């Protein structure tokens, strides 16, 4: 079961960041740094999820949603 499925079973969680594409370590770090920059502007991550993907030009794209 993927992480989103597991987190849907939890009523209260501290939040999760999911790096969607399978990429090199360098790109993983770049995507994670984008997630951290995004998170620093949020009041909290409680029951939130972030999907971080690469756009068509290789730019990080962050999608935020509630989970569960």
PDB file of N, CA and C in Angstrom:
ATOM      1  N   UNK A   1       0.854  -1.185   0.000  1.00  0.00           N
ATOM      2  CA  UNK A   1       0.000   0.000   0.000  1.00  0.00           C
ATOM      3  C   UNK A   1       0.893   1.239   0.000  1.00  0.00           C
ATOM      4  N   UNK A   2       0.552   2.208  -0.786  1.00  0.00           N
ATOM      5  CA  UNK A   2       1.354   3.431  -0.832  1.00  0.00           C
ATOM      6  C   UNK A   2       1.085   4.297   0.399  1.00  0.00           C
ATOM      7  N   UNK A   3       1.927   5.291   0.619  1.00  0.00           N
ATOM      8  CA  UNK A   3       1.830   6.145   1.808  1.00  0.00           C
ATOM      9  C   UNK A   3       0.507   6.889   1.905  1.00  0.00           C
ATOM     10  N   UNK A   4      -0.014   7.377   0.774  1.00  0.00           N
ATOM     11  CA  UNK A   4      -1.304   8.094   0.831  1.00  0.00           C
ATOM     12  C   UNK A   4      -2.391   7.188   1.377  1.00  0.00           C
ATOM     13  N   UNK A   5      -2.398   5.932   0.976  1.00  0.00           N
ATOM     14  CA  UNK A   5      -3.377   4.977   1.476  1.00  0.00           C
ATOM     15  C   UNK A   5      -3.248   4.767   2.970  1.00  0.00           C
ATOM     16  N   UNK A   6      -2.005   4.679   3.445  1.00  0.00           N
ATOM     17  CA  UNK A   6      -1.776   4.514   4.883  1.00  0.00           C
ATOM     18  C   UNK A   6      -2.213   5.747   5.664  1.00  0.00           C
ATOM     19  N   UNK A   7      -1.899   6.919   5.141  1.00  0.00           N
ATOM     20  CA  UNK A   7      -2.243   8.158   5.844  1.00  0.00           C
ATOM     21  C   UNK A   7      -3.739   8.423   5.848  1.00  0.00           C
ATOM     22  N   UNK A   8      -4.491   7.867   4.898  1.00  0.00           N
ATOM     23  CA  UNK A   8      -5.950   8.021   4.906  1.00  0.00           C
ATOM     24  C   UNK A   8      -6.576   7.287   6.091  1.00  0.00           C
ATOM     25  N   UNK A   9      -5.867   6.329   6.657  1.00  0.00           N
ATOM     26  CA  UNK A   9      -6.370   5.543   7.786  1.00  0.00           C
ATOM     27  C   UNK A   9      -6.114   6.228   9.127  1.00  0.00           C
ATOM     28  N   UNK A  10      -5.350   7.317   9.129  1.00  0.00           N
ATOM     29  CA  UNK A  10      -4.964   8.004  10.363  1.00  0.00           C
ATOM     30  C   UNK A  10      -5.783   9.285  10.495  1.00  0.00           C
ATOM     31  N   UNK A  11      -6.434   9.458  11.649  1.00  0.00           N
ATOM     32  CA  UNK A  11      -7.267  10.642  11.866  1.00  0.00           C
ATOM     33  C   UNK A  11      -6.453  11.923  12.019  1.00  0.00           C
ATOM     34  N   UNK A  12      -5.303  11.840  12.665  1.00  0.00           N
ATOM     35  CA  UNK A  12      -4.483  13.014  12.915  1.00  0.00           C
ATOM     36  C   UNK A  12      -3.019  12.649  12.659  1.00  0.00           C
ATOM     37  N   UNK A  13      -2.361  13.398  11.770  1.00  0.00           N
ATOM     38  CA  UNK A  13      -0.953  13.134  11.484  1.00  0.00           C
ATOM     39  C   UNK A  13      -0.219  14.456  11.261  1.00  0.00           C
ATOM     40  N   UNK A  14       1.105  14.463  11.383  1.00  0.00           N
ATOM     41  CA  UNK A  14       1.881  15.706  11.284  1.00  0.00           C
ATOM     42  C   UNK A  14       2.100  16.187   9.853  1.00  0.00           C
ATOM     43  N   UNK A  15       1.646  15.438   8.862  1.00  0.00           N
ATOM     44  CA  UNK A  15       1.821  15.823   7.472  1.00  0.00           C
ATOM     45  C   UNK A  15       2.822  14.927   6.772  1.00  0.00           C
ATOM     46  N   UNK A  16       2.769  14.939   5.440  1.00  0.00           N
ATOM     47  CA  UNK A  16       3.656  14.086   4.653  1.00  0.00           C
ATOM     48  C   UNK A  16       4.056  14.821   3.375  1.00  0.00           C
ATOM     49  N   UNK A  17       5.289  14.605   2.954  1.00  0.00           N
ATOM     50  CA  UNK A  17       5.799  15.139   1.695  1.00  0.00           C
ATOM     51  C   UNK A  17       6.127  13.949   0.806  1.00  0.00           C
ATOM     52  N   UNK A  18       5.551  13.937  -0.400  1.00  0.00           N
ATOM     53  CA  UNK A  18       5.768  12.842  -1.336  1.00  0.00           C
ATOM     54  C   UNK A  18       6.477  13.372  -2.577  1.00  0.00           C
ATOM     55  N   UNK A  19       7.660  12.838  -2.842  1.00  0.00           N
ATOM     56  CA  UNK A  19       8.384  13.163  -4.073  1.00  0.00           C
ATOM     57  C   UNK A  19       7.924  12.145  -5.102  1.00  0.00           C
ATOM     58  N   UNK A  20       7.166  12.594  -6.082  1.00  0.00           N
ATOM     59  CA  UNK A  20       6.490  11.682  -6.995  1.00  0.00           C
ATOM     60  C   UNK A  20       7.412  11.015  -8.021  1.00  0.00           C
ATOM     61  N   UNK A  21       8.197  11.739  -8.784  1.00  0.00           N
ATOM     62  CA  UNK A  21       8.951  11.029  -9.818  1.00  0.00           C
ATOM     63  C   UNK A  21      10.148  10.283  -9.242  1.00  0.00           C
ATOM     64  N   UNK A  22      10.556   9.265  -9.956  1.00  0.00           N
ATOM     65  CA  UNK A  22      11.792   8.573  -9.624  1.00  0.00           C
ATOM     66  C   UNK A  22      12.906   9.321 -10.341  1.00  0.00           C
ATOM     67  N   UNK A  23      13.700  10.050  -9.559  1.00  0.00           N
ATOM     68  CA  UNK A  23      14.727  10.920 -10.139  1.00  0.00           C
ATOM     69  C   UNK A  23      16.064  10.705  -9.428  1.00  0.00           C
ATOM     70  N   UNK A  24      17.083  11.351  -9.946  1.00  0.00           N
ATOM     71  CA  UNK A  24      18.421  11.251  -9.360  1.00  0.00           C
ATOM     72  C   UNK A  24      18.439  11.861  -7.951  1.00  0.00           C
ATOM     73  N   UNK A  25      19.470  11.555  -7.216  1.00  0.00           N
ATOM     74  CA  UNK A  25      19.626  12.107  -5.864  1.00  0.00           C
ATOM     75  C   UNK A  25      19.672  13.637  -5.893  1.00  0.00           C
ATOM     76  N   UNK A  26      20.365  14.196  -6.884  1.00  0.00           N
ATOM     77  CA  UNK A  26      20.428  15.653  -7.026  1.00  0.00           C
ATOM     78  C   UNK A  26      19.024  16.240  -7.178  1.00  0.00           C
ATOM     79  N   UNK A  27      18.201  15.653  -8.052  1.00  0.00           N
ATOM     80  CA  UNK A  27      16.843  16.149  -8.254  1.00  0.00           C
ATOM     81  C   UNK A  27      15.957  15.893  -7.035  1.00  0.00           C
ATOM     82  N   UNK A  28      16.181  14.788  -6.327  1.00  0.00           N
ATOM     83  CA  UNK A  28      15.433  14.552  -5.082  1.00  0.00           C
ATOM     84  C   UNK A  28      15.692  15.677  -4.090  1.00  0.00           C
ATOM     85  N   UNK A  29      16.949  16.058  -3.929  1.00  0.00           N
ATOM     86  CA  UNK A  29      17.299  17.151  -3.022  1.00  0.00           C
ATOM     87  C   UNK A  29      16.677  18.465  -3.478  1.00  0.00           C
ATOM     88  N   UNK A  30      16.699  18.711  -4.771  1.00  0.00           N
ATOM     89  CA  UNK A  30      16.105  19.927  -5.322  1.00  0.00           C
ATOM     90  C   UNK A  30      14.591  19.963  -5.060  1.00  0.00           C
ATOM     91  N   UNK A  31      13.909  18.823  -5.267  1.00  0.00           N
ATOM     92  CA  UNK A  31      12.466  18.752  -5.012  1.00  0.00           C
ATOM     93  C   UNK A  31      12.170  18.926  -3.521  1.00  0.00           C
ATOM     94  N   UNK A  32      12.972  18.290  -2.679  1.00  0.00           N
ATOM     95  CA  UNK A  32      12.740  18.400  -1.240  1.00  0.00           C
ATOM     96  C   UNK A  32      12.974  19.824  -0.747  1.00  0.00           C
ATOM     97  N   UNK A  33      13.986  20.493  -1.275  1.00  0.00           N
ATOM     98  CA  UNK A  33      14.226  21.894  -0.902  1.00  0.00           C
ATOM     99  C   UNK A  33      13.050  22.770  -1.322  1.00  0.00           C
ATOM    100  N   UNK A  34      12.455  22.484  -2.455  1.00  0.00           N
ATOM    101  CA  UNK A  34      11.249  23.209  -2.883  1.00  0.00           C
ATOM    102  C   UNK A  34      10.110  22.982  -1.903  1.00  0.00           C
ATOM    103  N   UNK A  35       9.977  21.748  -1.435  1.00  0.00           N
ATOM    104  CA  UNK A  35       8.942  21.435  -0.445  1.00  0.00           C
ATOM    105  C   UNK A  35       9.180  22.217   0.843  1.00  0.00           C
ATOM    106  N   UNK A  36      10.424  22.275   1.301  1.00  0.00           N
ATOM    107  CA  UNK A  36      10.733  23.007   2.532  1.00  0.00           C
ATOM    108  C   UNK A  36      10.444  24.492   2.389  1.00  0.00           C
ATOM    109  N   UNK A  37      10.776  25.061   1.233  1.00  0.00           N
ATOM    110  CA  UNK A  37      10.473  26.486   1.001  1.00  0.00           C
ATOM    111  C   UNK A  37       8.963  26.719   1.012  1.00  0.00           C
ATOM    112  N   UNK A  38       8.201  25.785   0.472  1.00  0.00           N
ATOM    113  CA  UNK A  38       6.738  25.895   0.463  1.00  0.00           C
ATOM    114  C   UNK A  38       6.192  25.792   1.889  1.00  0.00           C
ATOM    115  N   UNK A  39       6.697  24.813   2.644  1.00  0.00           N
ATOM    116  CA  UNK A  39       6.211  24.560   4.005  1.00  0.00           C
ATOM    117  C   UNK A  39       6.495  25.731   4.935  1.00  0.00           C
ATOM    118  N   UNK A  40       7.598  26.414   4.741  1.00  0.00           N
ATOM    119  CA  UNK A  40       7.941  27.494   5.670  1.00  0.00           C
ATOM    120  C   UNK A  40       6.909  28.623   5.648  1.00  0.00           C
ATOM    121  N   UNK A  41       6.055  28.677   4.636  1.00  0.00           N
ATOM    122  CA  UNK A  41       5.021  29.706   4.553  1.00  0.00           C
ATOM    123  C   UNK A  41       3.652  29.221   5.046  1.00  0.00           C
ATOM    124  N   UNK A  42       3.575  27.966   5.479  1.00  0.00           N
ATOM    125  CA  UNK A  42       2.319  27.413   5.986  1.00  0.00           C
ATOM    126  C   UNK A  42       2.269  27.564   7.505  1.00  0.00           C
ATOM    127  N   UNK A  43       1.062  27.718   8.077  1.00  0.00           N
ATOM    128  CA  UNK A  43       0.963  27.771   9.537  1.00  0.00           C
ATOM    129  C   UNK A  43       1.316  26.423  10.182  1.00  0.00           C
ATOM    130  N   UNK A  44       1.003  25.319   9.487  1.00  0.00           N
ATOM    131  CA  UNK A  44       1.343  23.976   9.962  1.00  0.00           C
ATOM    132  C   UNK A  44       1.099  22.983   8.826  1.00  0.00           C
ATOM    133  N   UNK A  45       1.481  21.739   9.065  1.00  0.00           N
ATOM    134  CA  UNK A  45       1.274  20.672   8.080  1.00  0.00           C
ATOM    135  C   UNK A  45       0.306  19.614   8.595  1.00  0.00           C
ATOM    136  N   UNK A  46      -0.375  19.878   9.686  1.00  0.00           N
ATOM    137  CA  UNK A  46      -1.260  18.879  10.285  1.00  0.00           C
ATOM    138  C   UNK A  46      -2.312  18.444   9.269  1.00  0.00           C
ATOM    139  N   UNK A  47      -2.406  17.129   9.063  1.00  0.00           N
ATOM    140  CA  UNK A  47      -3.334  16.495   8.127  1.00  0.00           C
ATOM    141  C   UNK A  47      -3.220  17.057   6.703  1.00  0.00           C
ATOM    142  N   UNK A  48      -2.012  17.410   6.314  1.00  0.00           N
ATOM    143  CA  UNK A  48      -1.760  17.927   4.976  1.00  0.00           C
ATOM    144  C   UNK A  48      -0.768  17.008   4.251  1.00  0.00           C
ATOM    145  N   UNK A  49      -0.869  17.018   2.947  1.00  0.00           N
ATOM    146  CA  UNK A  49       0.084  16.285   2.119  1.00  0.00           C
ATOM    147  C   UNK A  49       0.582  17.215   1.027  1.00  0.00           C
ATOM    148  N   UNK A  50       1.826  17.037   0.653  1.00  0.00           N
ATOM    149  CA  UNK A  50       2.407  17.753  -0.474  1.00  0.00           C
ATOM    150  C   UNK A  50       2.925  16.735  -1.474  1.00  0.00           C
ATOM    151  N   UNK A  51       2.488  16.835  -2.715  1.00  0.00           N
ATOM    152  CA  UNK A  51       3.069  16.075  -3.815  1.00  0.00           C
ATOM    153  C   UNK A  51       4.012  17.018  -4.531  1.00  0.00           C
ATOM    154  N   UNK A  52       5.256  16.600  -4.705  1.00  0.00           N
ATOM    155  CA  UNK A  52       6.238  17.408  -5.416  1.00  0.00           C
ATOM    156  C   UNK A  52       6.592  16.659  -6.701  1.00  0.00           C
ATOM    157  N   UNK A  53       6.350  17.305  -7.830  1.00  0.00           N
ATOM    158  CA  UNK A  53       6.632  16.699  -9.125  1.00  0.00           C
ATOM    159  C   UNK A  53       7.498  17.641  -9.953  1.00  0.00           C
ATOM    160  N   UNK A  54       7.925  17.149 -11.090  1.00  0.00           N
ATOM    161  CA  UNK A  54       8.678  17.979 -12.026  1.00  0.00           C
ATOM    162  C   UNK A  54       7.759  18.418 -13.156  1.00  0.00           C
ATOM    163  N   UNK A  55       7.802  19.707 -13.466  1.00  0.00           N
ATOM    164  CA  UNK A  55       7.019  20.241 -14.572  1.00  0.00           C
ATOM    165  C   UNK A  55       7.689  19.957 -15.901  1.00  0.00           C
ATOM    166  N   UNK A  56       7.061  20.390 -16.990  1.00  0.00           N
ATOM    167  CA  UNK A  56       7.593  20.101 -18.323  1.00  0.00           C
ATOM    168  C   UNK A  56       8.974  20.703 -18.593  1.00  0.00           C
ATOM    169  N   UNK A  57       9.309  21.783 -17.904  1.00  0.00           N
ATOM    170  CA  UNK A  57      10.619  22.410 -18.070  1.00  0.00           C
ATOM    171  C   UNK A  57      11.603  21.958 -16.987  1.00  0.00           C
ATOM    172  N   UNK A  58      11.211  20.949 -16.178  1.00  0.00           N
ATOM    173  CA  UNK A  58      12.072  20.469 -15.100  1.00  0.00           C
ATOM    174  C   UNK A  58      11.927  21.240 -13.810  1.00  0.00           C
ATOM    175  N   UNK A  59      10.956  22.165 -13.754  1.00  0.00           N
ATOM    176  CA  UNK A  59      10.745  22.964 -12.547  1.00  0.00           C
ATOM    177  C   UNK A  59       9.892  22.185 -11.541  1.00  0.00           C
ATOM    178  N   UNK A  60      10.181  22.350 -10.237  1.00  0.00           N
ATOM    179  CA  UNK A  60       9.385  21.699  -9.209  1.00  0.00           C
ATOM    180  C   UNK A  60       7.967  22.285  -9.155  1.00  0.00           C
ATOM    181  N   UNK A  61       6.986  21.408  -9.037  1.00  0.00           N
ATOM    182  CA  UNK A  61       5.589  21.812  -8.889  1.00  0.00           C
ATOM    183  C   UNK A  61       5.071  21.183  -7.602  1.00  0.00           C
ATOM    184  N   UNK A  62       4.471  21.999  -6.738  1.00  0.00           N
ATOM    185  CA  UNK A  62       3.960  21.543  -5.441  1.00  0.00           C
ATOM    186  C   UNK A  62       2.438  21.526  -5.489  1.00  0.00           C
ATOM    187  N   UNK A  63       1.859  20.392  -5.123  1.00  0.00           N
ATOM    188  CA  UNK A  63       0.416  20.267  -5.007  1.00  0.00           C
ATOM    189  C   UNK A  63       0.102  19.969  -3.541  1.00  0.00           C
ATOM    190  N   UNK A  64      -0.696  20.826  -2.911  1.00  0.00           N
ATOM    191  CA  UNK A  64      -1.051  20.663  -1.492  1.00  0.00           C
ATOM    192  C   UNK A  64      -2.500  20.211  -1.380  1.00  0.00           C
ATOM    193  N   UNK A  65      -2.771  19.274  -0.471  1.00  0.00           N
ATOM    194  CA  UNK A  65      -4.138  18.832  -0.239  1.00  0.00           C
ATOM    195  C   UNK A  65      -4.272  18.269   1.159  1.00  0.00           C
ATOM    196  N   UNK A  66      -5.520  18.208   1.634  1.00  0.00           N
ATOM    197  CA  UNK A  66      -5.789  17.628   2.950  1.00  0.00           C
ATOM    198  C   UNK A  66      -5.779  16.108   2.850  1.00  0.00           C
ATOM    199  N   UNK A  67      -5.295  15.487   3.883  1.00  0.00           N
ATOM    200  CA  UNK A  67      -5.245  14.026   3.959  1.00  0.00           C
ATOM    201  C   UNK A  67      -5.381  13.635   5.416  1.00  0.00           C
ATOM    202  N   UNK A  68      -6.362  13.027   5.903  1.00  0.00           N
ATOM    203  CA  UNK A  68      -7.452  12.355   5.188  1.00  0.00           C
ATOM    204  C   UNK A  68      -8.511  13.312   4.744  1.00  0.00           C
TER     205      UNK A  68
END
